[in-house]
Amino acid sequence: MTTPPATSTPPRSILLDPQGQARKGLSLDEINAAIAGRTGSLWLDLDIADPAQAELLKQIKGLHPLAVEDALCVNSRPKLEEYDDYLFMIIIGVRFFEGTPDPYDLETFDLCFFLGATFLITVHEGRSASIDEVGKRIEKNPDLLKRGMDRLTHAIMDGVVDAYFPLLDKIDEFVDTLEQRVIVEFDQNALKDIFAVKRLVLSLRRHIAPEREVFNVLTNRPSALLSPESQIYFRDIYDHVLRINDSIDTYRDLLSSVLDSYLTQVSNRLGRITKGLSVVATLSIPFVVISGMWGMNVQHIPLAAYPHAFWWMLVLQLSLGVLLLAILRFRKLL
């Protein structure tokens, strides 16, 4: 009997036979027999971060080599492909990357599904909170597999998509903080964070937008592998994806408005500084002109012999400066 390659962590495998008996820890022969026999309900979960589990995926019979290659390739694009006996799907999960001090850094992971009439093979790299949660429920109550492999697929996908909502709440908090820093406090260091959050939002949109087509197909295209009841459940996920896309577009518009507000405030502050310098320059014109004329090193300058000529010149210069300011203000140039 062929056994799966030795693994540091055995893959999760559960088979619920037609008699309702649950078996775990299946061998490769038992997995292939369950898939080929099309009896019972089989769930096999593979973590390809373990090379032995990745090798096990290659040895499963009936899977197209191109689908296996896509499942083993990280950073794939969300897709849905229909083969003779199963559907192959990829969706993208997103979470904040905790291994970096950057609060805006995202970490993505692929979650692949081989959905057949009597089996489901999930493939991912590293831990998946959604699969762990569903796995605990299945281990406690294997009879949940009787609902069908499409319902199991829905439960896992629903957990992955729902994980986007805490990210949106965090982005909403980022946007509120940036609005406070820009509009109320005018923090000049906020520009870097504005672009960082914009990059975060655009990255999130790039990952979630292609999933609309995947769930649109799961919801609306008839398939022998999807019951009409399960398609109603997939419709709920599709609605969530649309809501997430709408929220991302809203945050993108808000961030553009925050950036425009920042640039407007910078322009206004520059305008006030320029206005102040214009006032100083206007007041200095009479002093420069009159002082320059009466400071020339020539003889017989008018008023040179008068004892109070200095004060007359000072009053004249101040008066001309005030007059220039009044003219500029009357013409609405200041």
Protein backbone atom coordinates (compact mmCIF):
# COMPACT_ATOMS: atom_id res chain seq x y z
CA MET A 1 0.00 0.00 0.00
CA THR A 2 1.30 3.44 -0.93
CA THR A 3 1.55 5.92 1.88
CA PRO A 4 1.98 9.66 1.66
CA PRO A 5 5.48 11.03 1.96
CA ALA A 6 6.75 11.62 5.45
CA THR A 7 5.74 15.04 6.67
CA SER A 8 6.75 17.09 9.65
CA THR A 9 3.06 17.94 10.05
CA PRO A 10 0.50 15.44 8.69
CA PRO A 11 -2.09 17.01 6.39
CA ARG A 12 -5.64 17.32 7.63
CA SER A 13 -7.75 14.64 5.98
CA ILE A 14 -11.25 13.53 6.90
CA LEU A 15 -13.40 10.98 5.07
CA LEU A 16 -17.04 10.49 5.96
CA ASP A 17 -18.11 7.21 4.35
CA PRO A 18 -21.69 6.44 3.20
CA GLN A 19 -22.36 4.70 6.51
CA GLY A 20 -21.58 7.90 8.40
CA GLN A 21 -18.26 6.70 9.82
CA ALA A 22 -15.49 9.32 9.91
CA ARG A 23 -11.87 8.38 9.22
CA LYS A 24 -8.89 10.68 9.63
CA GLY A 25 -5.23 10.58 8.69
CA LEU A 26 -5.76 8.92 5.32
CA SER A 27 -2.98 7.42 3.23
CA LEU A 28 -2.36 8.45 -0.35
CA ASP A 29 -4.01 5.25 -1.63
CA GLU A 30 -7.08 5.90 0.51
CA ILE A 31 -7.26 9.49 -0.76
CA ASN A 32 -7.01 8.40 -4.40
CA ALA A 33 -9.53 5.60 -3.84
CA ALA A 34 -12.02 8.01 -2.24
CA ILE A 35 -11.69 10.46 -5.13
CA ALA A 36 -11.95 7.78 -7.80
CA GLY A 37 -14.79 5.90 -6.07
CA ARG A 38 -16.90 9.04 -5.67
CA THR A 39 -18.39 7.71 -2.47
CA GLY A 40 -18.53 9.43 0.88
CA SER A 41 -17.26 12.95 1.53
CA LEU A 42 -13.54 13.69 1.59
CA TRP A 43 -11.80 16.85 2.76
CA LEU A 44 -8.05 17.08 2.33
CA ASP A 45 -6.22 20.20 3.48
CA LEU A 46 -2.62 20.69 2.34
CA ASP A 47 -0.12 23.27 3.57
CA ILE A 48 2.45 23.57 0.80
CA ALA A 49 4.85 25.35 3.14
CA ASP A 50 5.68 21.75 4.05
CA PRO A 51 7.54 20.27 1.02
CA ALA A 52 6.20 16.78 1.78
CA GLN A 53 2.59 18.00 1.60
CA ALA A 54 3.37 19.84 -1.65
CA GLU A 55 4.73 16.57 -3.03
CA LEU A 56 1.60 14.77 -1.86
CA LEU A 57 -0.55 17.13 -3.96
CA LYS A 58 1.41 16.12 -7.08
CA GLN A 59 0.68 12.43 -6.44
CA ILE A 60 -3.11 12.78 -6.20
CA LYS A 61 -4.66 11.21 -9.28
CA GLY A 62 -7.22 12.98 -11.43
CA LEU A 63 -5.96 16.55 -10.92
CA HIS A 64 -4.85 18.41 -14.02
CA PRO A 65 -1.11 19.26 -13.98
CA LEU A 66 -1.81 22.91 -14.83
CA ALA A 67 -4.21 23.24 -11.88
CA VAL A 68 -1.63 21.61 -9.59
CA GLU A 69 1.03 24.00 -10.90
CA ASP A 70 -1.21 27.00 -10.18
CA ALA A 71 -1.94 25.67 -6.69
CA LEU A 72 1.78 25.37 -5.94
CA CYS A 73 2.52 28.84 -7.31
CA VAL A 74 2.21 31.61 -4.73
CA ASN A 75 0.85 35.08 -5.55
CA SER A 76 -1.57 33.83 -8.19
CA ARG A 77 -4.50 35.81 -9.52
CA PRO A 78 -8.03 34.90 -8.33
CA LYS A 79 -9.60 32.56 -10.86
CA LEU A 80 -12.17 29.88 -11.47
CA GLU A 81 -11.56 27.11 -13.98
CA GLU A 82 -13.90 24.23 -14.75
CA TYR A 83 -12.52 20.75 -15.41
CA ASP A 84 -14.38 17.53 -16.16
CA ASP A 85 -14.85 16.36 -12.59
CA TYR A 86 -14.09 19.36 -10.43
CA LEU A 87 -13.85 23.14 -10.19
CA PHE A 88 -10.49 24.76 -9.51
CA MET A 89 -10.63 28.11 -7.72
CA ILE A 90 -8.14 30.55 -6.23
CA ILE A 91 -9.07 33.38 -3.88
CA ILE A 92 -6.75 35.79 -2.08
CA GLY A 93 -6.68 36.27 1.67
CA VAL A 94 -5.25 39.46 3.17
CA ARG A 95 -4.02 40.39 6.63
CA PHE A 96 -1.70 42.98 8.15
CA PHE A 97 1.90 41.82 8.18
CA GLU A 98 2.98 41.69 11.81
CA GLY A 99 6.63 41.00 11.01
CA THR A 100 7.36 44.62 10.11
CA PRO A 101 7.09 47.90 12.07
CA ASP A 102 5.23 49.45 9.14
CA PRO A 103 1.57 49.65 10.27
CA TYR A 104 0.39 49.81 6.65
CA ASP A 105 2.12 46.68 5.35
CA LEU A 106 -0.15 43.93 3.99
CA GLU A 107 0.48 40.21 3.75
CA THR A 108 -1.43 38.15 1.17
CA PHE A 109 -1.88 34.41 0.81
CA ASP A 110 -3.47 32.21 -1.85
CA LEU A 111 -6.21 29.74 -0.98
CA CYS A 112 -6.86 27.14 -3.67
CA PHE A 113 -9.83 24.79 -3.96
CA PHE A 114 -10.30 21.57 -5.92
CA LEU A 115 -14.06 21.10 -5.58
CA GLY A 116 -15.50 17.80 -6.76
CA ALA A 117 -18.86 16.16 -6.19
CA THR A 118 -17.56 14.08 -3.27
CA PHE A 119 -14.25 15.71 -2.39
CA LEU A 120 -12.68 19.04 -1.55
CA ILE A 121 -8.94 19.66 -1.58
CA THR A 122 -7.78 22.95 -0.12
CA VAL A 123 -4.23 24.17 -0.71
CA HIS A 124 -2.53 27.10 1.02
CA GLU A 125 0.89 28.19 2.25
CA GLY A 126 1.13 28.65 6.01
CA ARG A 127 -1.68 28.78 8.52
CA SER A 128 -5.16 29.90 7.52
CA ALA A 129 -7.48 31.13 10.26
CA SER A 130 -10.56 30.35 8.18
CA ILE A 131 -9.52 26.75 7.52
CA ASP A 132 -8.48 26.23 11.14
CA GLU A 133 -11.87 27.42 12.33
CA VAL A 134 -13.80 25.21 9.90
CA GLY A 135 -11.44 22.30 10.67
CA LYS A 136 -12.21 22.49 14.38
CA ARG A 137 -15.93 22.40 13.65
CA ILE A 138 -15.56 19.40 11.31
CA GLU A 139 -13.39 17.50 13.80
CA LYS A 140 -16.00 18.00 16.51
CA ASN A 141 -18.88 17.11 14.21
CA PRO A 142 -17.85 15.26 11.01
CA ASP A 143 -21.52 14.96 10.03
CA LEU A 144 -21.24 18.54 8.78
CA LEU A 145 -19.62 17.03 5.69
CA LYS A 146 -23.01 15.55 4.78
CA ARG A 147 -24.15 19.02 3.75
CA GLY A 148 -21.95 18.72 0.68
CA MET A 149 -18.53 19.80 -0.48
CA ASP A 150 -19.96 23.00 -1.93
CA ARG A 151 -21.23 24.05 1.50
CA LEU A 152 -17.83 23.27 3.01
CA THR A 153 -16.22 25.41 0.30
CA HIS A 154 -18.64 28.21 1.13
CA ALA A 155 -17.80 28.05 4.85
CA ILE A 156 -14.06 28.43 4.18
CA MET A 157 -14.46 31.18 1.58
CA ASP A 158 -16.87 33.06 3.80
CA GLY A 159 -14.27 33.16 6.57
CA VAL A 160 -11.59 34.46 4.17
CA VAL A 161 -13.81 37.24 2.82
CA ASP A 162 -15.10 38.21 6.28
CA ALA A 163 -11.48 38.76 7.33
CA TYR A 164 -11.44 41.81 5.03
CA PHE A 165 -13.88 43.72 7.24
CA PRO A 166 -11.48 44.21 10.21
CA LEU A 167 -8.99 45.56 7.66
CA LEU A 168 -11.59 48.04 6.45
CA ASP A 169 -12.27 49.14 10.04
CA LYS A 170 -8.55 49.73 10.50
CA ILE A 171 -8.34 51.71 7.24
CA ASP A 172 -11.33 53.78 8.38
CA GLU A 173 -9.41 54.56 11.56
CA PHE A 174 -6.34 55.53 9.51
CA VAL A 175 -8.42 57.89 7.35
CA ASP A 176 -10.07 59.55 10.37
CA THR A 177 -6.67 60.09 11.98
CA LEU A 178 -5.26 61.60 8.78
CA GLU A 179 -8.23 63.97 8.46
CA GLN A 180 -7.62 65.14 12.03
CA ARG A 181 -3.90 65.60 11.42
CA VAL A 182 -4.35 67.48 8.13
CA ILE A 183 -7.51 69.56 8.58
CA VAL A 184 -7.36 70.34 12.30
CA GLU A 185 -3.68 70.17 13.25
CA PHE A 186 -2.01 70.50 9.83
CA ASP A 187 0.74 68.03 10.62
CA GLN A 188 3.32 68.56 7.88
CA ASN A 189 4.57 64.98 8.41
CA ALA A 190 1.17 63.58 7.40
CA LEU A 191 1.99 63.56 3.67
CA LYS A 192 4.06 60.37 3.96
CA ASP A 193 1.24 58.59 5.81
CA ILE A 194 -1.35 59.77 3.27
CA PHE A 195 0.55 58.12 0.45
CA ALA A 196 1.17 55.01 2.58
CA VAL A 197 -2.56 54.56 3.25
CA LYS A 198 -3.38 55.26 -0.41
CA ARG A 199 -0.93 52.54 -1.39
CA LEU A 200 -2.58 50.22 1.15
CA VAL A 201 -6.07 50.91 -0.25
CA LEU A 202 -4.96 50.42 -3.86
CA SER A 203 -3.20 47.18 -2.94
CA LEU A 204 -6.33 45.92 -1.20
CA ARG A 205 -8.44 46.85 -4.22
CA ARG A 206 -6.07 45.04 -6.55
CA HIS A 207 -6.52 41.84 -4.55
CA ILE A 208 -10.28 41.96 -3.95
CA ALA A 209 -11.52 43.30 -7.30
CA PRO A 210 -10.81 40.12 -9.37
CA GLU A 211 -12.68 38.01 -6.79
CA ARG A 212 -15.95 39.61 -7.89
CA GLU A 213 -15.87 37.56 -11.07
CA VAL A 214 -15.12 34.34 -9.18
CA PHE A 215 -18.10 34.72 -6.86
CA ASN A 216 -20.28 36.01 -9.68
CA VAL A 217 -19.70 32.72 -11.50
CA LEU A 218 -20.27 30.67 -8.34
CA THR A 219 -23.52 32.55 -7.78
CA ASN A 220 -25.03 32.68 -11.25
CA ARG A 221 -23.55 29.96 -13.48
CA PRO A 222 -25.33 26.59 -13.27
CA SER A 223 -23.01 23.73 -12.35
CA ALA A 224 -23.50 20.07 -11.47
CA LEU A 225 -21.04 20.59 -8.61
CA LEU A 226 -23.03 23.44 -7.04
CA SER A 227 -26.52 22.94 -5.72
CA PRO A 228 -29.01 25.82 -6.09
CA GLU A 229 -29.10 26.07 -2.30
CA SER A 230 -25.33 26.50 -2.04
CA GLN A 231 -25.39 29.15 -4.77
CA ILE A 232 -27.69 31.20 -2.55
CA TYR A 233 -25.00 31.04 0.14
CA PHE A 234 -22.32 32.05 -2.37
CA ARG A 235 -24.54 35.00 -3.30
CA ASP A 236 -24.10 36.26 0.28
CA ILE A 237 -20.30 36.20 -0.15
CA TYR A 238 -20.69 37.97 -3.49
CA ASP A 239 -22.65 40.73 -1.75
CA HIS A 240 -19.87 41.04 0.81
CA VAL A 241 -17.26 41.36 -1.93
CA LEU A 242 -19.30 44.13 -3.57
CA ARG A 243 -19.57 45.94 -0.22
CA ILE A 244 -15.83 45.65 0.30
CA ASN A 245 -15.16 47.06 -3.17
CA ASP A 246 -17.53 49.97 -2.54
CA SER A 247 -15.86 50.72 0.80
CA ILE A 248 -12.41 50.65 -0.80
CA ASP A 249 -13.55 53.08 -3.50
CA THR A 250 -14.95 55.36 -0.79
CA TYR A 251 -11.69 55.33 1.15
CA ARG A 252 -9.76 56.06 -2.03
CA ASP A 253 -11.93 59.14 -2.66
CA LEU A 254 -11.59 60.27 0.96
CA LEU A 255 -7.81 59.95 0.81
CA SER A 256 -7.75 61.98 -2.40
CA SER A 257 -9.77 64.67 -0.62
CA VAL A 258 -7.37 64.58 2.35
CA LEU A 259 -4.42 64.96 -0.01
CA ASP A 260 -6.14 67.87 -1.77
CA SER A 261 -6.81 69.50 1.62
CA TYR A 262 -3.16 69.09 2.58
CA LEU A 263 -1.94 70.67 -0.65
CA THR A 264 -4.53 73.46 -0.35
CA GLN A 265 -3.36 74.27 3.17
CA VAL A 266 0.24 74.32 2.02
CA SER A 267 -0.75 76.71 -0.78
CA ASN A 268 -2.73 78.92 1.62
CA ARG A 269 0.13 79.11 4.07
CA LEU A 270 2.51 79.98 1.26
CA GLY A 271 0.05 82.67 0.13
CA ARG A 272 -0.08 84.19 3.63
CA ILE A 273 3.70 84.23 3.84
CA THR A 274 3.92 85.85 0.41
CA LYS A 275 1.30 88.40 1.45
CA GLY A 276 3.29 89.31 4.55
CA LEU A 277 6.45 89.72 2.55
CA SER A 278 4.55 91.91 0.07
CA VAL A 279 3.46 94.20 2.92
CA VAL A 280 7.04 94.50 4.13
CA ALA A 281 8.27 95.18 0.60
CA THR A 282 5.55 97.83 0.05
CA LEU A 283 6.43 99.66 3.25
CA SER A 284 10.12 99.62 2.38
CA ILE A 285 9.71 101.19 -1.09
CA PRO A 286 9.39 104.81 0.12
CA PHE A 287 12.30 104.35 2.53
CA VAL A 288 14.52 102.94 -0.20
CA VAL A 289 13.60 105.59 -2.77
CA ILE A 290 13.63 108.68 -0.55
CA SER A 291 16.59 107.60 1.58
CA GLY A 292 18.51 106.76 -1.56
CA MET A 293 17.79 110.13 -3.16
CA TRP A 294 18.66 112.21 -0.07
CA GLY A 295 21.60 110.01 0.77
CA MET A 296 23.51 110.83 -2.42
CA ASN A 297 26.97 112.27 -1.92
CA VAL A 298 26.31 115.57 -3.76
CA GLN A 299 26.13 119.18 -2.65
CA HIS A 300 23.05 121.39 -2.38
CA ILE A 301 20.51 118.60 -1.68
CA PRO A 302 17.07 120.15 -1.01
CA LEU A 303 16.18 120.49 2.69
CA ALA A 304 19.76 119.68 3.68
CA ALA A 305 20.04 122.92 5.63
CA TYR A 306 16.77 122.56 7.57
CA PRO A 307 17.19 121.33 11.17
CA HIS A 308 14.01 119.15 11.16
CA ALA A 309 14.42 117.74 7.65
CA PHE A 310 15.06 114.17 8.98
CA TRP A 311 11.70 114.03 10.72
CA TRP A 312 9.93 115.49 7.70
CA MET A 313 11.50 112.76 5.53
CA LEU A 314 10.51 110.06 8.05
CA VAL A 315 6.90 111.22 8.13
CA LEU A 316 6.86 111.46 4.34
CA GLN A 317 8.19 107.93 3.96
CA LEU A 318 5.69 106.49 6.43
CA SER A 319 2.85 108.38 4.80
CA LEU A 320 3.77 107.12 1.35
CA GLY A 321 4.00 103.56 2.69
CA VAL A 322 0.56 103.79 4.29
CA LEU A 323 -0.83 105.34 1.11
CA LEU A 324 0.56 102.47 -0.99
CA LEU A 325 -0.99 99.93 1.39
CA ALA A 326 -4.34 101.71 1.20
CA ILE A 327 -4.23 101.72 -2.62
CA LEU A 328 -3.34 98.02 -2.75
CA ARG A 329 -6.11 97.15 -0.29
CA PHE A 330 -8.60 99.31 -2.22
CA ARG A 331 -7.65 97.47 -5.42
CA LYS A 332 -8.01 94.16 -3.47
CA LEU A 333 -4.45 93.21 -4.22
CA LEU A 334 -3.74 92.52 -0.54
